[in-house]
C-alpha atoms as a PDB file:
ATOM      1  CA  UNK A   1       0.000   0.000   0.000  1.00  0.00           C
ATOM      2  CA  UNK A   2       2.893   2.343   0.768  1.00  0.00           C
ATOM      3  CA  UNK A   3       4.479   1.871  -2.672  1.00  0.00           C
ATOM      4  CA  UNK A   4       1.127   2.303  -4.407  1.00  0.00           C
ATOM      5  CA  UNK A   5       0.403   5.432  -2.403  1.00  0.00           C
ATOM      6  CA  UNK A   6       3.819   6.870  -3.263  1.00  0.00           C
ATOM      7  CA  UNK A   7       3.154   6.256  -6.946  1.00  0.00           C
ATOM      8  CA  UNK A   8      -0.363   7.686  -6.850  1.00  0.00           C
ATOM      9  CA  UNK A   9       0.536  10.849  -4.928  1.00  0.00           C
ATOM     10  CA  UNK A  10       3.731  11.299  -6.958  1.00  0.00           C
ATOM     11  CA  UNK A  11       1.880  10.936 -10.243  1.00  0.00           C
ATOM     12  CA  UNK A  12      -0.658  13.534  -9.118  1.00  0.00           C
ATOM     13  CA  UNK A  13       2.184  15.832  -8.045  1.00  0.00           C
ATOM     14  CA  UNK A  14       3.863  15.516 -11.468  1.00  0.00           C
ATOM     15  CA  UNK A  15       0.555  16.101 -13.259  1.00  0.00           C
ATOM     16  CA  UNK A  16      -0.142  19.263 -11.235  1.00  0.00           C
ATOM     17  CA  UNK A  17       3.295  20.626 -12.157  1.00  0.00           C
ATOM     18  CA  UNK A  18       2.691  19.643 -15.793  1.00  0.00           C
ATOM     19  CA  UNK A  19      -0.573  21.627 -15.843  1.00  0.00           C
ATOM     20  CA  UNK A  20       0.971  24.632 -14.089  1.00  0.00           C
ATOM     21  CA  UNK A  21       3.978  24.852 -16.424  1.00  0.00           C
ATOM     22  CA  UNK A  22       2.093  24.020 -19.640  1.00  0.00           C
ATOM     23  CA  UNK A  23       5.170  23.414 -21.824  1.00  0.00           C
ATOM     24  CA  UNK A  24       4.258  22.080 -25.256  1.00  0.00           C
ATOM     25  CA  UNK A  25       5.740  18.822 -26.523  1.00  0.00           C
ATOM     26  CA  UNK A  26       8.517  18.689 -29.145  1.00  0.00           C
ATOM     27  CA  UNK A  27       7.510  18.651 -32.803  1.00  0.00           C
ATOM     28  CA  UNK A  28       7.638  15.557 -35.040  1.00  0.00           C
ATOM     29  CA  UNK A  29       6.945  12.959 -32.378  1.00  0.00           C
ATOM     30  CA  UNK A  30       7.569   9.357 -33.432  1.00  0.00           C
ATOM     31  CA  UNK A  31       4.478   8.256 -31.513  1.00  0.00           C
ATOM     32  CA  UNK A  32       1.915  11.065 -31.407  1.00  0.00           C
ATOM     33  CA  UNK A  33       1.008  12.108 -27.874  1.00  0.00           C
ATOM     34  CA  UNK A  34      -1.078  14.899 -26.456  1.00  0.00           C
ATOM     35  CA  UNK A  35      -0.757  16.958 -23.304  1.00  0.00           C
ATOM     36  CA  UNK A  36       2.176  18.868 -21.959  1.00  0.00           C
ATOM     37  CA  UNK A  37       5.852  18.006 -21.947  1.00  0.00           C
ATOM     38  CA  UNK A  38       7.276  19.194 -18.624  1.00  0.00           C
ATOM     39  CA  UNK A  39       7.911  17.151 -16.485  1.00  0.00           C
ATOM     40  CA  UNK A  40       8.053  13.628 -17.905  1.00  0.00           C
ATOM     41  CA  UNK A  41       5.534  11.570 -15.979  1.00  0.00           C
ATOM     42  CA  UNK A  42       7.053   8.289 -17.180  1.00  0.00           C
ATOM     43  CA  UNK A  43      10.506   9.277 -15.936  1.00  0.00           C
ATOM     44  CA  UNK A  44       9.153  10.648 -12.653  1.00  0.00           C
ATOM     45  CA  UNK A  45       7.102   7.536 -11.812  1.00  0.00           C
ATOM     46  CA  UNK A  46       9.843   5.128 -12.905  1.00  0.00           C
ATOM     47  CA  UNK A  47      12.369   6.939 -10.724  1.00  0.00           C
ATOM     48  CA  UNK A  48      10.034   6.852  -7.706  1.00  0.00           C
ATOM     49  CA  UNK A  49       9.298   3.152  -8.254  1.00  0.00           C
ATOM     50  CA  UNK A  50      12.918   2.084  -8.741  1.00  0.00           C
ATOM     51  CA  UNK A  51      14.249   4.062  -5.778  1.00  0.00           C
ATOM     52  CA  UNK A  52      11.445   2.755  -3.566  1.00  0.00           C
ATOM     53  CA  UNK A  53      12.151  -0.825  -4.637  1.00  0.00           C
ATOM     54  CA  UNK A  54      15.848  -0.351  -3.974  1.00  0.00           C
ATOM     55  CA  UNK A  55      15.144   1.079  -0.513  1.00  0.00           C
ATOM     56  CA  UNK A  56      12.972  -1.943   0.273  1.00  0.00           C
ATOM     57  CA  UNK A  57      15.176  -4.629  -1.305  1.00  0.00           C
ATOM     58  CA  UNK A  58      18.768  -3.569  -0.649  1.00  0.00           C
ATOM     59  CA  UNK A  59      18.660  -4.313   3.105  1.00  0.00           C
ATOM     60  CA  UNK A  60      17.523  -7.861   2.252  1.00  0.00           C
ATOM     61  CA  UNK A  61      20.527  -8.419  -0.042  1.00  0.00           C
ATOM     62  CA  UNK A  62      23.514  -9.315   2.134  1.00  0.00           C
ATOM     63  CA  UNK A  63      26.237  -9.490  -0.540  1.00  0.00           C
ATOM     64  CA  UNK A  64      27.620  -6.050  -1.504  1.00  0.00           C
ATOM     65  CA  UNK A  65      28.319  -7.219  -5.039  1.00  0.00           C
ATOM     66  CA  UNK A  66      24.679  -8.167  -5.515  1.00  0.00           C
ATOM     67  CA  UNK A  67      23.600  -4.847  -3.990  1.00  0.00           C
ATOM     68  CA  UNK A  68      25.756  -3.053  -6.553  1.00  0.00           C
ATOM     69  CA  UNK A  69      24.225  -5.132  -9.347  1.00  0.00           C
ATOM     70  CA  UNK A  70      20.715  -4.202  -8.145  1.00  0.00           C
ATOM     71  CA  UNK A  71      21.650  -0.510  -8.075  1.00  0.00           C
ATOM     72  CA  UNK A  72      23.158  -0.669 -11.567  1.00  0.00           C
ATOM     73  CA  UNK A  73      20.035  -2.413 -12.901  1.00  0.00           C
ATOM     74  CA  UNK A  74      17.877   0.306 -11.318  1.00  0.00           C
ATOM     75  CA  UNK A  75      19.981   3.122 -12.763  1.00  0.00           C
ATOM     76  CA  UNK A  76      19.955   1.502 -16.225  1.00  0.00           C
ATOM     77  CA  UNK A  77      16.181   1.029 -16.008  1.00  0.00           C
ATOM     78  CA  UNK A  78      15.634   4.697 -15.164  1.00  0.00           C
ATOM     79  CA  UNK A  79      18.132   5.756 -17.829  1.00  0.00           C
ATOM     80  CA  UNK A  80      16.426   3.683 -20.524  1.00  0.00           C
ATOM     81  CA  UNK A  81      13.014   5.142 -19.723  1.00  0.00           C
ATOM     82  CA  UNK A  82      14.420   8.693 -19.708  1.00  0.00           C
ATOM     83  CA  UNK A  83      16.334   8.153 -22.959  1.00  0.00           C
ATOM     84  CA  UNK A  84      13.297   6.584 -24.649  1.00  0.00           C
ATOM     85  CA  UNK A  85      11.157   9.630 -23.822  1.00  0.00           C
ATOM     86  CA  UNK A  86      13.696  11.910 -25.521  1.00  0.00           C
ATOM     87  CA  UNK A  87      14.283   9.477 -28.416  1.00  0.00           C
ATOM     88  CA  UNK A  88      10.549   9.279 -29.140  1.00  0.00           C
ATOM     89  CA  UNK A  89      10.549  13.092 -29.124  1.00  0.00           C
ATOM     90  CA  UNK A  90       7.887  13.098 -26.464  1.00  0.00           C
ATOM     91  CA  UNK A  91      10.030  15.224 -24.146  1.00  0.00           C
ATOM     92  CA  UNK A  92      13.014  17.502 -24.198  1.00  0.00           C
ATOM     93  CA  UNK A  93      16.132  16.389 -22.331  1.00  0.00           C
ATOM     94  CA  UNK A  94      15.425  19.097 -19.747  1.00  0.00           C
ATOM     95  CA  UNK A  95      12.025  17.491 -19.070  1.00  0.00           C
ATOM     96  CA  UNK A  96      13.509  14.136 -18.096  1.00  0.00           C
ATOM     97  CA  UNK A  97      16.377  15.672 -16.100  1.00  0.00           C
ATOM     98  CA  UNK A  98      13.889  17.795 -14.176  1.00  0.00           C
ATOM     99  CA  UNK A  99      11.741  14.699 -13.599  1.00  0.00           C
ATOM    100  CA  UNK A 100      14.700  12.868 -12.066  1.00  0.00           C
ATOM    101  CA  UNK A 101      15.352  15.807  -9.750  1.00  0.00           C
ATOM    102  CA  UNK A 102      11.661  16.221  -8.878  1.00  0.00           C
ATOM    103  CA  UNK A 103      11.343  12.518  -8.055  1.00  0.00           C
ATOM    104  CA  UNK A 104      14.405  12.659  -5.809  1.00  0.00           C
ATOM    105  CA  UNK A 105      13.083  15.754  -4.051  1.00  0.00           C
ATOM    106  CA  UNK A 106       9.625  14.223  -3.695  1.00  0.00           C
ATOM    107  CA  UNK A 107      11.074  11.107  -2.050  1.00  0.00           C
ATOM    108  CA  UNK A 108      13.215  13.211   0.297  1.00  0.00           C
ATOM    109  CA  UNK A 109      10.146  15.193   1.362  1.00  0.00           C
ATOM    110  CA  UNK A 110       7.976  12.077   1.842  1.00  0.00           C
ATOM    111  CA  UNK A 111      10.603   9.903   3.614  1.00  0.00           C
ATOM    112  CA  UNK A 112      10.216  11.420   7.111  1.00  0.00           C
ATOM    113  CA  UNK A 113       6.495  10.583   7.054  1.00  0.00           C
ATOM    114  CA  UNK A 114       6.935   6.919   6.074  1.00  0.00           C
ATOM    115  CA  UNK A 115       6.859   5.485   9.600  1.00  0.00           C
ATOM    116  CA  UNK A 116       3.857   7.582  10.667  1.00  0.00           C
ATOM    117  CA  UNK A 117       1.843   6.539   7.595  1.00  0.00           C
ATOM    118  CA  UNK A 118       2.832   2.889   7.987  1.00  0.00           C
ATOM    119  CA  UNK A 119       1.859   2.837  11.672  1.00  0.00           C
ATOM    120  CA  UNK A 120      -1.486   4.432  10.790  1.00  0.00           C
ATOM    121  CA  UNK A 121      -2.037   1.733   8.151  1.00  0.00           C
ATOM    122  CA  UNK A 122      -1.206  -0.934  10.754  1.00  0.00           C
ATOM    123  CA  UNK A 123      -3.855   0.484  13.088  1.00  0.00           C
ATOM    124  CA  UNK A 124      -6.518   0.603  10.357  1.00  0.00           C
ATOM    125  CA  UNK A 125      -5.919  -2.636   8.455  1.00  0.00           C
ATOM    126  CA  UNK A 126      -6.554  -6.092   9.897  1.00  0.00           C
ATOM    127  CA  UNK A 127      -3.449  -7.913  11.155  1.00  0.00           C
ATOM    128  CA  UNK A 128      -3.989 -10.855   8.790  1.00  0.00           C
ATOM    129  CA  UNK A 129      -3.350  -8.516   5.844  1.00  0.00           C
ATOM    130  CA  UNK A 130      -0.209  -6.987   7.351  1.00  0.00           C
ATOM    131  CA  UNK A 131       1.339 -10.044   8.973  1.00  0.00           C
ATOM    132  CA  UNK A 132       2.979 -11.469   5.815  1.00  0.00           C
ATOM    133  CA  UNK A 133       4.496  -8.049   5.052  1.00  0.00           C
ATOM    134  CA  UNK A 134       6.096  -7.298   8.394  1.00  0.00           C
ATOM    135  CA  UNK A 135       9.901  -7.267   8.055  1.00  0.00           C
ATOM    136  CA  UNK A 136      11.912  -9.978   9.782  1.00  0.00           C
ATOM    137  CA  UNK A 137      15.010  -8.865  11.660  1.00  0.00           C
END
């Protein structure tokens, strides 16, 4: 629920910025798309998802070499999405760079509230739903 909430709120945040800025998309798109260009929603949401997954998974990986491999895979994944948005001429390079920075800032702002939100979810949801997801030390 936490990861889904991060994605949902983050996507709304990116869409609000997109509507406020109102930057038109590049000309001659390879795959026609409508709407505004800045920031790239695909890049923003991919960055939030990958960083969140890394935060959740890296502590479970004990070998530093495997941790490094996971980080490299995450960075390549984000890079491929960002590059594809520019290649398809759906966004300018500045759109995807700004999306990376916005996603990082968004996660830094949200991080201090993670424990409070998770404890609230624990108090609302039945224990049988949460029990399989509780971390083992």
